[in-house]
Amino acid sequence: MVTGPGATCASILGVPCAVSRHDDGANIDEVETEVVEIEAKLDKLVKLCGGMIEAGKAYVTANKLFINGIRDLSQQCKKDQMISDCLEKCGESLQEIVNYHMVRLVFFSFVSPHE
């Protein structure tokens, strides 16, 4: 692998790249075209990431409502201790999953640039 001032993206990454040095210098039009294409793809990726974060927020909200429904049912079934305990444990387990997803969501919301 070649690194340093004379390195091209192809030599650094080990993959073909439209932008490379020639003896007569890089073609500015090709470089500008590649930069524009890369910017467009990065913008698209950032928007997709934002969509995933929003979908994750909706998922967490729906799960919280579902967990609350399980807890309500558990309270309603207090007469049958076994069913009530089972529902309570199920609700606690699901809450742990939601908590994990919320931590991940907060992390990705933090590291993802917002428009």
PDB file of N, CA and C in Angstrom:
ATOM      1  N   MET A   1       0.848  -1.172   0.000  1.00  0.00           N
ATOM      2  CA  MET A   1       0.000   0.000   0.000  1.00  0.00           C
ATOM      3  C   MET A   1       0.893   1.233   0.000  1.00  0.00           C
ATOM      4  N   VAL A   2       0.529   2.206  -0.824  1.00  0.00           N
ATOM      5  CA  VAL A   2       1.286   3.445  -0.937  1.00  0.00           C
ATOM      6  C   VAL A   2       0.582   4.511  -0.121  1.00  0.00           C
ATOM      7  N   THR A   3       1.330   5.216   0.715  1.00  0.00           N
ATOM      8  CA  THR A   3       0.764   6.324   1.464  1.00  0.00           C
ATOM      9  C   THR A   3       1.660   7.529   1.291  1.00  0.00           C
ATOM     10  N   GLY A   4       1.150   8.682   1.678  1.00  0.00           N
ATOM     11  CA  GLY A   4       1.941   9.897   1.577  1.00  0.00           C
ATOM     12  C   GLY A   4       1.391  10.830   0.532  1.00  0.00           C
ATOM     13  N   PRO A   5       2.128  11.910   0.236  1.00  0.00           N
ATOM     14  CA  PRO A   5       1.620  12.941  -0.661  1.00  0.00           C
ATOM     15  C   PRO A   5       1.334  12.461  -2.076  1.00  0.00           C
ATOM     16  N   GLY A   6       2.077  11.469  -2.568  1.00  0.00           N
ATOM     17  CA  GLY A   6       1.871  11.006  -3.934  1.00  0.00           C
ATOM     18  C   GLY A   6       0.856   9.887  -4.057  1.00  0.00           C
ATOM     19  N   ALA A   7       0.240   9.489  -2.951  1.00  0.00           N
ATOM     20  CA  ALA A   7      -0.675   8.357  -2.966  1.00  0.00           C
ATOM     21  C   ALA A   7      -2.003   8.748  -3.605  1.00  0.00           C
ATOM     22  N   THR A   8      -2.582   7.819  -4.344  1.00  0.00           N
ATOM     23  CA  THR A   8      -3.918   8.027  -4.910  1.00  0.00           C
ATOM     24  C   THR A   8      -4.906   7.234  -4.080  1.00  0.00           C
ATOM     25  N   CYS A   9      -6.198   7.544  -4.288  1.00  0.00           N
ATOM     26  CA  CYS A   9      -7.196   6.781  -3.529  1.00  0.00           C
ATOM     27  C   CYS A   9      -7.133   5.307  -3.906  1.00  0.00           C
ATOM     28  N   ALA A  10      -6.740   5.012  -5.148  1.00  0.00           N
ATOM     29  CA  ALA A  10      -6.628   3.615  -5.551  1.00  0.00           C
ATOM     30  C   ALA A  10      -5.504   2.916  -4.801  1.00  0.00           C
ATOM     31  N   SER A  11      -4.385   3.608  -4.624  1.00  0.00           N
ATOM     32  CA  SER A  11      -3.259   2.974  -3.944  1.00  0.00           C
ATOM     33  C   SER A  11      -3.490   2.882  -2.442  1.00  0.00           C
ATOM     34  N   ILE A  12      -4.207   3.841  -1.864  1.00  0.00           N
ATOM     35  CA  ILE A  12      -4.471   3.816  -0.422  1.00  0.00           C
ATOM     36  C   ILE A  12      -5.508   2.754  -0.078  1.00  0.00           C
ATOM     37  N   LEU A  13      -6.625   2.734  -0.843  1.00  0.00           N
ATOM     38  CA  LEU A  13      -7.712   1.813  -0.537  1.00  0.00           C
ATOM     39  C   LEU A  13      -7.549   0.455  -1.201  1.00  0.00           C
ATOM     40  N   GLY A  14      -6.686   0.380  -2.179  1.00  0.00           N
ATOM     41  CA  GLY A  14      -6.498  -0.878  -2.879  1.00  0.00           C
ATOM     42  C   GLY A  14      -7.632  -1.184  -3.830  1.00  0.00           C
ATOM     43  N   VAL A  15      -8.380  -0.153  -4.256  1.00  0.00           N
ATOM     44  CA  VAL A  15      -9.501  -0.346  -5.174  1.00  0.00           C
ATOM     45  C   VAL A  15      -9.344   0.615  -6.345  1.00  0.00           C
ATOM     46  N   PRO A  16      -9.981   0.283  -7.467  1.00  0.00           N
ATOM     47  CA  PRO A  16      -9.918   1.196  -8.606  1.00  0.00           C
ATOM     48  C   PRO A  16     -10.588   2.518  -8.267  1.00  0.00           C
ATOM     49  N   CYS A  17     -10.071   3.591  -8.808  1.00  0.00           N
ATOM     50  CA  CYS A  17     -10.613   4.916  -8.534  1.00  0.00           C
ATOM     51  C   CYS A  17     -10.511   5.736  -9.805  1.00  0.00           C
ATOM     52  N   ALA A  18     -11.551   6.513 -10.101  1.00  0.00           N
ATOM     53  CA  ALA A  18     -11.551   7.338 -11.301  1.00  0.00           C
ATOM     54  C   ALA A  18     -10.531   8.469 -11.194  1.00  0.00           C
ATOM     55  N   VAL A  19     -10.202   8.855  -9.972  1.00  0.00           N
ATOM     56  CA  VAL A  19      -9.259   9.941  -9.777  1.00  0.00           C
ATOM     57  C   VAL A  19      -7.889   9.332  -9.510  1.00  0.00           C
ATOM     58  N   SER A  20      -6.978   9.500 -10.429  1.00  0.00           N
ATOM     59  CA  SER A  20      -5.609   9.011 -10.231  1.00  0.00           C
ATOM     60  C   SER A  20      -4.653   9.993 -10.875  1.00  0.00           C
ATOM     61  N   ARG A  21      -3.406   9.928 -10.436  1.00  0.00           N
ATOM     62  CA  ARG A  21      -2.399  10.839 -10.986  1.00  0.00           C
ATOM     63  C   ARG A  21      -1.849  10.249 -12.288  1.00  0.00           C
ATOM     64  N   HIS A  22      -1.710  11.117 -13.232  1.00  0.00           N
ATOM     65  CA  HIS A  22      -1.048  10.749 -14.475  1.00  0.00           C
ATOM     66  C   HIS A  22       0.209  11.598 -14.561  1.00  0.00           C
ATOM     67  N   ASP A  23       1.057  11.258 -15.487  1.00  0.00           N
ATOM     68  CA  ASP A  23       2.280  12.044 -15.645  1.00  0.00           C
ATOM     69  C   ASP A  23       1.969  13.503 -15.946  1.00  0.00           C
ATOM     70  N   ASP A  24       0.893  13.755 -16.675  1.00  0.00           N
ATOM     71  CA  ASP A  24       0.550  15.123 -17.046  1.00  0.00           C
ATOM     72  C   ASP A  24      -0.414  15.766 -16.040  1.00  0.00           C
ATOM     73  N   GLY A  25      -0.684  15.143 -14.891  1.00  0.00           N
ATOM     74  CA  GLY A  25      -1.566  15.716 -13.865  1.00  0.00           C
ATOM     75  C   GLY A  25      -2.975  15.168 -13.980  1.00  0.00           C
ATOM     76  N   ALA A  26      -3.738  15.378 -12.906  1.00  0.00           N
ATOM     77  CA  ALA A  26      -5.111  14.867 -12.863  1.00  0.00           C
ATOM     78  C   ALA A  26      -6.016  15.747 -13.709  1.00  0.00           C
ATOM     79  N   ASN A  27      -6.980  15.132 -14.320  1.00  0.00           N
ATOM     80  CA  ASN A  27      -7.957  15.857 -15.115  1.00  0.00           C
ATOM     81  C   ASN A  27      -8.968  16.483 -14.151  1.00  0.00           C
ATOM     82  N   ILE A  28      -8.997  17.811 -14.100  1.00  0.00           N
ATOM     83  CA  ILE A  28      -9.834  18.524 -13.123  1.00  0.00           C
ATOM     84  C   ILE A  28     -11.306  18.217 -13.325  1.00  0.00           C
ATOM     85  N   ASP A  29     -11.747  18.089 -14.565  1.00  0.00           N
ATOM     86  CA  ASP A  29     -13.161  17.788 -14.814  1.00  0.00           C
ATOM     87  C   ASP A  29     -13.549  16.430 -14.231  1.00  0.00           C
ATOM     88  N   GLU A  30     -12.679  15.450 -14.381  1.00  0.00           N
ATOM     89  CA  GLU A  30     -12.958  14.128 -13.823  1.00  0.00           C
ATOM     90  C   GLU A  30     -13.019  14.184 -12.297  1.00  0.00           C
ATOM     91  N   VAL A  31     -12.102  14.921 -11.704  1.00  0.00           N
ATOM     92  CA  VAL A  31     -12.068  15.048 -10.251  1.00  0.00           C
ATOM     93  C   VAL A  31     -13.340  15.734  -9.756  1.00  0.00           C
ATOM     94  N   GLU A  32     -13.723  16.836 -10.411  1.00  0.00           N
ATOM     95  CA  GLU A  32     -14.942  17.544 -10.009  1.00  0.00           C
ATOM     96  C   GLU A  32     -16.167  16.658 -10.152  1.00  0.00           C
ATOM     97  N   THR A  33     -16.247  15.900 -11.230  1.00  0.00           N
ATOM     98  CA  THR A  33     -17.382  14.997 -11.448  1.00  0.00           C
ATOM     99  C   THR A  33     -17.448  13.943 -10.353  1.00  0.00           C
ATOM    100  N   GLU A  34     -16.308  13.373 -10.015  1.00  0.00           N
ATOM    101  CA  GLU A  34     -16.294  12.349  -8.969  1.00  0.00           C
ATOM    102  C   GLU A  34     -16.679  12.938  -7.615  1.00  0.00           C
ATOM    103  N   VAL A  35     -16.191  14.132  -7.318  1.00  0.00           N
ATOM    104  CA  VAL A  35     -16.531  14.786  -6.047  1.00  0.00           C
ATOM    105  C   VAL A  35     -18.027  15.031  -5.967  1.00  0.00           C
ATOM    106  N   VAL A  36     -18.633  15.505  -7.051  1.00  0.00           N
ATOM    107  CA  VAL A  36     -20.079  15.751  -7.077  1.00  0.00           C
ATOM    108  C   VAL A  36     -20.843  14.447  -6.869  1.00  0.00           C
ATOM    109  N   GLU A  37     -20.410  13.378  -7.518  1.00  0.00           N
ATOM    110  CA  GLU A  37     -21.071  12.081  -7.360  1.00  0.00           C
ATOM    111  C   GLU A  37     -20.947  11.566  -5.926  1.00  0.00           C
ATOM    112  N   ILE A  38     -19.765  11.707  -5.342  1.00  0.00           N
ATOM    113  CA  ILE A  38     -19.556  11.264  -3.961  1.00  0.00           C
ATOM    114  C   ILE A  38     -20.423  12.081  -3.006  1.00  0.00           C
ATOM    115  N   GLU A  39     -20.474  13.396  -3.197  1.00  0.00           N
ATOM    116  CA  GLU A  39     -21.312  14.250  -2.347  1.00  0.00           C
ATOM    117  C   GLU A  39     -22.774  13.841  -2.439  1.00  0.00           C
ATOM    118  N   ALA A  40     -23.253  13.559  -3.645  1.00  0.00           N
ATOM    119  CA  ALA A  40     -24.650  13.157  -3.832  1.00  0.00           C
ATOM    120  C   ALA A  40     -24.933  11.841  -3.111  1.00  0.00           C
ATOM    121  N   LYS A  41     -24.010  10.895  -3.217  1.00  0.00           N
ATOM    122  CA  LYS A  41     -24.209   9.601  -2.547  1.00  0.00           C
ATOM    123  C   LYS A  41     -24.145   9.741  -1.036  1.00  0.00           C
ATOM    124  N   LEU A  42     -23.256  10.598  -0.544  1.00  0.00           N
ATOM    125  CA  LEU A  42     -23.185  10.832   0.899  1.00  0.00           C
ATOM    126  C   LEU A  42     -24.447  11.516   1.408  1.00  0.00           C
ATOM    127  N   ASP A  43     -24.958  12.493   0.657  1.00  0.00           N
ATOM    128  CA  ASP A  43     -26.209  13.149   1.040  1.00  0.00           C
ATOM    129  C   ASP A  43     -27.351  12.142   1.110  1.00  0.00           C
ATOM    130  N   LYS A  44     -27.415  11.266   0.118  1.00  0.00           N
ATOM    131  CA  LYS A  44     -28.460  10.239   0.099  1.00  0.00           C
ATOM    132  C   LYS A  44     -28.328   9.325   1.316  1.00  0.00           C
ATOM    133  N   LEU A  45     -27.103   8.951   1.647  1.00  0.00           N
ATOM    134  CA  LEU A  45     -26.857   8.070   2.790  1.00  0.00           C
ATOM    135  C   LEU A  45     -27.254   8.741   4.103  1.00  0.00           C
ATOM    136  N   VAL A  46     -26.957  10.023   4.244  1.00  0.00           N
ATOM    137  CA  VAL A  46     -27.334  10.757   5.454  1.00  0.00           C
ATOM    138  C   VAL A  46     -28.855  10.808   5.581  1.00  0.00           C
ATOM    139  N   LYS A  47     -29.551  11.038   4.467  1.00  0.00           N
ATOM    140  CA  LYS A  47     -31.020  11.068   4.499  1.00  0.00           C
ATOM    141  C   LYS A  47     -31.586   9.697   4.855  1.00  0.00           C
ATOM    142  N   LEU A  48     -31.003   8.648   4.309  1.00  0.00           N
ATOM    143  CA  LEU A  48     -31.454   7.293   4.646  1.00  0.00           C
ATOM    144  C   LEU A  48     -31.244   6.997   6.125  1.00  0.00           C
ATOM    145  N   CYS A  49     -30.109   7.432   6.653  1.00  0.00           N
ATOM    146  CA  CYS A  49     -29.818   7.240   8.072  1.00  0.00           C
ATOM    147  C   CYS A  49     -30.854   7.984   8.915  1.00  0.00           C
ATOM    148  N   GLY A  50     -31.190   9.207   8.527  1.00  0.00           N
ATOM    149  CA  GLY A  50     -32.220   9.967   9.235  1.00  0.00           C
ATOM    150  C   GLY A  50     -33.562   9.250   9.212  1.00  0.00           C
ATOM    151  N   GLY A  51     -33.896   8.663   8.073  1.00  0.00           N
ATOM    152  CA  GLY A  51     -35.142   7.890   7.969  1.00  0.00           C
ATOM    153  C   GLY A  51     -35.132   6.681   8.887  1.00  0.00           C
ATOM    154  N   MET A  52     -33.989   6.029   8.985  1.00  0.00           N
ATOM    155  CA  MET A  52     -33.881   4.870   9.875  1.00  0.00           C
ATOM    156  C   MET A  52     -34.028   5.289  11.334  1.00  0.00           C
ATOM    157  N   ILE A  53     -33.470   6.437  11.681  1.00  0.00           N
ATOM    158  CA  ILE A  53     -33.589   6.934  13.061  1.00  0.00           C
ATOM    159  C   ILE A  53     -35.043   7.237  13.381  1.00  0.00           C
ATOM    160  N   GLU A  54     -35.741   7.887  12.454  1.00  0.00           N
ATOM    161  CA  GLU A  54     -37.162   8.192  12.677  1.00  0.00           C
ATOM    162  C   GLU A  54     -37.992   6.910  12.791  1.00  0.00           C
ATOM    163  N   ALA A  55     -37.687   5.937  11.951  1.00  0.00           N
ATOM    164  CA  ALA A  55     -38.389   4.650  12.033  1.00  0.00           C
ATOM    165  C   ALA A  55     -38.101   3.969  13.366  1.00  0.00           C
ATOM    166  N   GLY A  56     -36.867   4.093  13.842  1.00  0.00           N
ATOM    167  CA  GLY A  56     -36.505   3.519  15.138  1.00  0.00           C
ATOM    168  C   GLY A  56     -37.274   4.172  16.268  1.00  0.00           C
ATOM    169  N   LYS A  57     -37.456   5.492  16.186  1.00  0.00           N
ATOM    170  CA  LYS A  57     -38.225   6.199  17.210  1.00  0.00           C
ATOM    171  C   LYS A  57     -39.672   5.709  17.220  1.00  0.00           C
ATOM    172  N   ALA A  58     -40.253   5.535  16.046  1.00  0.00           N
ATOM    173  CA  ALA A  58     -41.633   5.027  15.957  1.00  0.00           C
ATOM    174  C   ALA A  58     -41.708   3.608  16.518  1.00  0.00           C
ATOM    175  N   TYR A  59     -40.707   2.793  16.232  1.00  0.00           N
ATOM    176  CA  TYR A  59     -40.657   1.416  16.727  1.00  0.00           C
ATOM    177  C   TYR A  59     -40.613   1.390  18.256  1.00  0.00           C
ATOM    178  N   VAL A  60     -39.758   2.237  18.835  1.00  0.00           N
ATOM    179  CA  VAL A  60     -39.633   2.292  20.294  1.00  0.00           C
ATOM    180  C   VAL A  60     -40.946   2.756  20.916  1.00  0.00           C
ATOM    181  N   THR A  61     -41.579   3.762  20.318  1.00  0.00           N
ATOM    182  CA  THR A  61     -42.850   4.254  20.832  1.00  0.00           C
ATOM    183  C   THR A  61     -43.920   3.165  20.793  1.00  0.00           C
ATOM    184  N   ALA A  62     -44.012   2.449  19.683  1.00  0.00           N
ATOM    185  CA  ALA A  62     -44.991   1.363  19.564  1.00  0.00           C
ATOM    186  C   ALA A  62     -44.718   0.267  20.590  1.00  0.00           C
ATOM    187  N   ASN A  63     -43.455  -0.047  20.813  1.00  0.00           N
ATOM    188  CA  ASN A  63     -43.111  -1.065  21.801  1.00  0.00           C
ATOM    189  C   ASN A  63     -43.483  -0.625  23.220  1.00  0.00           C
ATOM    190  N   LYS A  64     -43.273   0.643  23.535  1.00  0.00           N
ATOM    191  CA  LYS A  64     -43.649   1.145  24.859  1.00  0.00           C
ATOM    192  C   LYS A  64     -45.153   1.010  25.072  1.00  0.00           C
ATOM    193  N   LEU A  65     -45.927   1.343  24.052  1.00  0.00           N
ATOM    194  CA  LEU A  65     -47.384   1.201  24.161  1.00  0.00           C
ATOM    195  C   LEU A  65     -47.771  -0.265  24.348  1.00  0.00           C
ATOM    196  N   PHE A  66     -47.100  -1.150  23.624  1.00  0.00           N
ATOM    197  CA  PHE A  66     -47.377  -2.580  23.756  1.00  0.00           C
ATOM    198  C   PHE A  66     -47.047  -3.076  25.164  1.00  0.00           C
ATOM    199  N   ILE A  67     -45.912  -2.639  25.697  1.00  0.00           N
ATOM    200  CA  ILE A  67     -45.508  -3.025  27.052  1.00  0.00           C
ATOM    201  C   ILE A  67     -46.521  -2.516  28.069  1.00  0.00           C
ATOM    202  N   ASN A  68     -46.982  -1.291  27.900  1.00  0.00           N
ATOM    203  CA  ASN A  68     -48.008  -0.762  28.801  1.00  0.00           C
ATOM    204  C   ASN A  68     -49.284  -1.587  28.725  1.00  0.00           C
ATOM    205  N   GLY A  69     -49.625  -2.055  27.530  1.00  0.00           N
ATOM    206  CA  GLY A  69     -50.790  -2.927  27.373  1.00  0.00           C
ATOM    207  C   GLY A  69     -50.604  -4.244  28.122  1.00  0.00           C
ATOM    208  N   ILE A  70     -49.410  -4.809  28.058  1.00  0.00           N
ATOM    209  CA  ILE A  70     -49.129  -6.049  28.786  1.00  0.00           C
ATOM    210  C   ILE A  70     -49.241  -5.817  30.295  1.00  0.00           C
ATOM    211  N   ARG A  71     -48.711  -4.690  30.756  1.00  0.00           N
ATOM    212  CA  ARG A  71     -48.785  -4.379  32.186  1.00  0.00           C
ATOM    213  C   ARG A  71     -50.231  -4.172  32.642  1.00  0.00           C
ATOM    214  N   ASP A  72     -51.012  -3.508  31.808  1.00  0.00           N
ATOM    215  CA  ASP A  72     -52.436  -3.339  32.138  1.00  0.00           C
ATOM    216  C   ASP A  72     -53.129  -4.688  32.232  1.00  0.00           C
ATOM    217  N   LEU A  73     -52.847  -5.565  31.290  1.00  0.00           N
ATOM    218  CA  LEU A  73     -53.446  -6.907  31.311  1.00  0.00           C
ATOM    219  C   LEU A  73     -52.978  -7.678  32.544  1.00  0.00           C
ATOM    220  N   SER A  74     -51.724  -7.518  32.907  1.00  0.00           N
ATOM    221  CA  SER A  74     -51.196  -8.175  34.094  1.00  0.00           C
ATOM    222  C   SER A  74     -51.945  -7.719  35.344  1.00  0.00           C
ATOM    223  N   GLN A  75     -52.210  -6.423  35.426  1.00  0.00           N
ATOM    224  CA  GLN A  75     -52.959  -5.897  36.578  1.00  0.00           C
ATOM    225  C   GLN A  75     -54.394  -6.426  36.583  1.00  0.00           C
ATOM    226  N   GLN A  76     -54.960  -6.569  35.411  1.00  0.00           N
ATOM    227  CA  GLN A  76     -56.328  -7.073  35.303  1.00  0.00           C
ATOM    228  C   GLN A  76     -56.403  -8.538  35.718  1.00  0.00           C
ATOM    229  N   CYS A  77     -55.329  -9.266  35.537  1.00  0.00           N
ATOM    230  CA  CYS A  77     -55.312 -10.702  35.821  1.00  0.00           C
ATOM    231  C   CYS A  77     -54.727 -11.013  37.197  1.00  0.00           C
ATOM    232  N   LYS A  78     -54.769 -10.092  38.117  1.00  0.00           N
ATOM    233  CA  LYS A  78     -54.183 -10.299  39.453  1.00  0.00           C
ATOM    234  C   LYS A  78     -54.799 -11.487  40.180  1.00  0.00           C
ATOM    235  N   LYS A  79     -56.026 -11.829  39.840  1.00  0.00           N
ATOM    236  CA  LYS A  79     -56.679 -12.964  40.503  1.00  0.00           C
ATOM    237  C   LYS A  79     -55.954 -14.279  40.193  1.00  0.00           C
ATOM    238  N   ASP A  80     -55.400 -14.370  39.007  1.00  0.00           N
ATOM    239  CA  ASP A  80     -54.635 -15.561  38.620  1.00  0.00           C
ATOM    240  C   ASP A  80     -53.153 -15.193  38.692  1.00  0.00           C
ATOM    241  N   GLN A  81     -52.529 -15.526  39.812  1.00  0.00           N
ATOM    242  CA  GLN A  81     -51.147 -15.112  40.086  1.00  0.00           C
ATOM    243  C   GLN A  81     -50.160 -15.590  39.024  1.00  0.00           C
ATOM    244  N   MET A  82     -50.336 -16.826  38.549  1.00  0.00           N
ATOM    245  CA  MET A  82     -49.414 -17.379  37.563  1.00  0.00           C
ATOM    246  C   MET A  82     -49.461 -16.558  36.264  1.00  0.00           C
ATOM    247  N   ILE A  83     -50.635 -16.255  35.777  1.00  0.00           N
ATOM    248  CA  ILE A  83     -50.780 -15.472  34.547  1.00  0.00           C
ATOM    249  C   ILE A  83     -50.243 -14.054  34.772  1.00  0.00           C
ATOM    250  N   SER A  84     -50.583 -13.471  35.900  1.00  0.00           N
ATOM    251  CA  SER A  84     -50.130 -12.116  36.214  1.00  0.00           C
ATOM    252  C   SER A  84     -48.600 -12.064  36.271  1.00  0.00           C
ATOM    253  N   ASP A  85     -47.979 -13.016  36.937  1.00  0.00           N
ATOM    254  CA  ASP A  85     -46.518 -13.058  37.026  1.00  0.00           C
ATOM    255  C   ASP A  85     -45.881 -13.248  35.653  1.00  0.00           C
ATOM    256  N   CYS A  86     -46.470 -14.127  34.861  1.00  0.00           N
ATOM    257  CA  CYS A  86     -45.945 -14.397  33.520  1.00  0.00           C
ATOM    258  C   CYS A  86     -46.009 -13.130  32.662  1.00  0.00           C
ATOM    259  N   LEU A  87     -47.126 -12.424  32.698  1.00  0.00           N
ATOM    260  CA  LEU A  87     -47.265 -11.194  31.931  1.00  0.00           C
ATOM    261  C   LEU A  87     -46.298 -10.123  32.439  1.00  0.00           C
ATOM    262  N   GLU A  88     -46.129 -10.061  33.750  1.00  0.00           N
ATOM    263  CA  GLU A  88     -45.216  -9.074  34.328  1.00  0.00           C
ATOM    264  C   GLU A  88     -43.774  -9.338  33.877  1.00  0.00           C
ATOM    265  N   LYS A  89     -43.369 -10.613  33.894  1.00  0.00           N
ATOM    266  CA  LYS A  89     -42.016 -10.970  33.442  1.00  0.00           C
ATOM    267  C   LYS A  89     -41.843 -10.681  31.956  1.00  0.00           C
ATOM    268  N   CYS A  90     -42.871 -10.947  31.194  1.00  0.00           N
ATOM    269  CA  CYS A  90     -42.827 -10.661  29.753  1.00  0.00           C
ATOM    270  C   CYS A  90     -42.654  -9.158  29.534  1.00  0.00           C
ATOM    271  N   GLY A  91     -43.426  -8.361  30.266  1.00  0.00           N
ATOM    272  CA  GLY A  91     -43.315  -6.908  30.161  1.00  0.00           C
ATOM    273  C   GLY A  91     -41.935  -6.409  30.552  1.00  0.00           C
ATOM    274  N   GLU A  92     -41.362  -6.982  31.604  1.00  0.00           N
ATOM    275  CA  GLU A  92     -40.020  -6.578  32.043  1.00  0.00           C
ATOM    276  C   GLU A  92     -38.970  -6.928  30.986  1.00  0.00           C
ATOM    277  N   SER A  93     -39.105  -8.112  30.400  1.00  0.00           N
ATOM    278  CA  SER A  93     -38.154  -8.528  29.360  1.00  0.00           C
ATOM    279  C   SER A  93     -38.245  -7.620  28.144  1.00  0.00           C
ATOM    280  N   LEU A  94     -39.455  -7.331  27.726  1.00  0.00           N
ATOM    281  CA  LEU A  94     -39.628  -6.440  26.583  1.00  0.00           C
ATOM    282  C   LEU A  94     -39.107  -5.037  26.897  1.00  0.00           C
ATOM    283  N   GLN A  95     -39.271  -4.597  28.145  1.00  0.00           N
ATOM    284  CA  GLN A  95     -38.762  -3.283  28.531  1.00  0.00           C
ATOM    285  C   GLN A  95     -37.246  -3.240  28.416  1.00  0.00           C
ATOM    286  N   GLU A  96     -36.587  -4.316  28.775  1.00  0.00           N
ATOM    287  CA  GLU A  96     -35.124  -4.376  28.621  1.00  0.00           C
ATOM    288  C   GLU A  96     -34.715  -4.255  27.151  1.00  0.00           C
ATOM    289  N   ILE A  97     -35.465  -4.903  26.276  1.00  0.00           N
ATOM    290  CA  ILE A  97     -35.180  -4.821  24.842  1.00  0.00           C
ATOM    291  C   ILE A  97     -35.371  -3.389  24.351  1.00  0.00           C
ATOM    292  N   VAL A  98     -36.470  -2.757  24.770  1.00  0.00           N
ATOM    293  CA  VAL A  98     -36.733  -1.375  24.367  1.00  0.00           C
ATOM    294  C   VAL A  98     -35.630  -0.456  24.904  1.00  0.00           C
ATOM    295  N   ASN A  99     -35.209  -0.672  26.144  1.00  0.00           N
ATOM    296  CA  ASN A  99     -34.133   0.146  26.707  1.00  0.00           C
ATOM    297  C   ASN A  99     -32.855   0.025  25.869  1.00  0.00           C
ATOM    298  N   TYR A 100     -32.545  -1.193  25.453  1.00  0.00           N
ATOM    299  CA  TYR A 100     -31.366  -1.416  24.610  1.00  0.00           C
ATOM    300  C   TYR A 100     -31.515  -0.663  23.285  1.00  0.00           C
ATOM    301  N   HIS A 101     -32.689  -0.778  22.670  1.00  0.00           N
ATOM    302  CA  HIS A 101     -32.921  -0.088  21.402  1.00  0.00           C
ATOM    303  C   HIS A 101     -32.855   1.425  21.571  1.00  0.00           C
ATOM    304  N   MET A 102     -33.339   1.924  22.691  1.00  0.00           N
ATOM    305  CA  MET A 102     -33.291   3.368  22.937  1.00  0.00           C
ATOM    306  C   MET A 102     -31.848   3.845  23.054  1.00  0.00           C
ATOM    307  N   VAL A 103     -31.006   3.065  23.716  1.00  0.00           N
ATOM    308  CA  VAL A 103     -29.590   3.435  23.841  1.00  0.00           C
ATOM    309  C   VAL A 103     -28.961   3.493  22.456  1.00  0.00           C
ATOM    310  N   ARG A 104     -29.236   2.514  21.634  1.00  0.00           N
ATOM    311  CA  ARG A 104     -28.697   2.487  20.271  1.00  0.00           C
ATOM    312  C   ARG A 104     -29.220   3.671  19.463  1.00  0.00           C
ATOM    313  N   LEU A 105     -30.512   3.957  19.618  1.00  0.00           N
ATOM    314  CA  LEU A 105     -31.134   5.043  18.881  1.00  0.00           C
ATOM    315  C   LEU A 105     -30.527   6.384  19.280  1.00  0.00           C
ATOM    316  N   VAL A 106     -30.319   6.575  20.574  1.00  0.00           N
ATOM    317  CA  VAL A 106     -29.714   7.820  21.050  1.00  0.00           C
ATOM    318  C   VAL A 106     -28.297   7.942  20.497  1.00  0.00           C
ATOM    319  N   PHE A 107     -27.560   6.844  20.494  1.00  0.00           N
ATOM    320  CA  PHE A 107     -26.202   6.865  19.959  1.00  0.00           C
ATOM    321  C   PHE A 107     -26.193   7.275  18.496  1.00  0.00           C
ATOM    322  N   PHE A 108     -27.038   6.622  17.677  1.00  0.00           N
ATOM    323  CA  PHE A 108     -27.056   6.926  16.265  1.00  0.00           C
ATOM    324  C   PHE A 108     -27.620   8.314  15.990  1.00  0.00           C
ATOM    325  N   SER A 109     -28.537   8.776  16.822  1.00  0.00           N
ATOM    326  CA  SER A 109     -29.038  10.139  16.669  1.00  0.00           C
ATOM    327  C   SER A 109     -27.926  11.138  16.961  1.00  0.00           C
ATOM    328  N   PHE A 110     -27.079  10.779  17.896  1.00  0.00           N
ATOM    329  CA  PHE A 110     -25.983  11.675  18.303  1.00  0.00           C
ATOM    330  C   PHE A 110     -24.898  11.739  17.231  1.00  0.00           C
ATOM    331  N   VAL A 111     -24.562  10.594  16.649  1.00  0.00           N
ATOM    332  CA  VAL A 111     -23.463  10.573  15.682  1.00  0.00           C
ATOM    333  C   VAL A 111     -23.920  10.923  14.272  1.00  0.00           C
ATOM    334  N   SER A 112     -25.217  10.906  14.018  1.00  0.00           N
ATOM    335  CA  SER A 112     -25.716  11.211  12.685  1.00  0.00           C
ATOM    336  C   SER A 112     -25.951  12.710  12.552  1.00  0.00           C
ATOM    337  N   PRO A 113     -25.420  13.328  11.499  1.00  0.00           N
ATOM    338  CA  PRO A 113     -25.670  14.760  11.304  1.00  0.00           C
ATOM    339  C   PRO A 113     -27.125  15.009  10.952  1.00  0.00           C
ATOM    340  N   HIS A 114     -27.688  16.053  11.498  1.00  0.00           N
ATOM    341  CA  HIS A 114     -29.076  16.407  11.226  1.00  0.00           C
ATOM    342  C   HIS A 114     -29.110  17.595  10.283  1.00  0.00           C
ATOM    343  N   GLU A 115     -30.144  17.632   9.459  1.00  0.00           N
ATOM    344  CA  GLU A 115     -30.298  18.766   8.537  1.00  0.00           C
ATOM    345  C   GLU A 115     -31.212  19.797   9.154  1.00  0.00           C
TER     346      GLU A 115
END
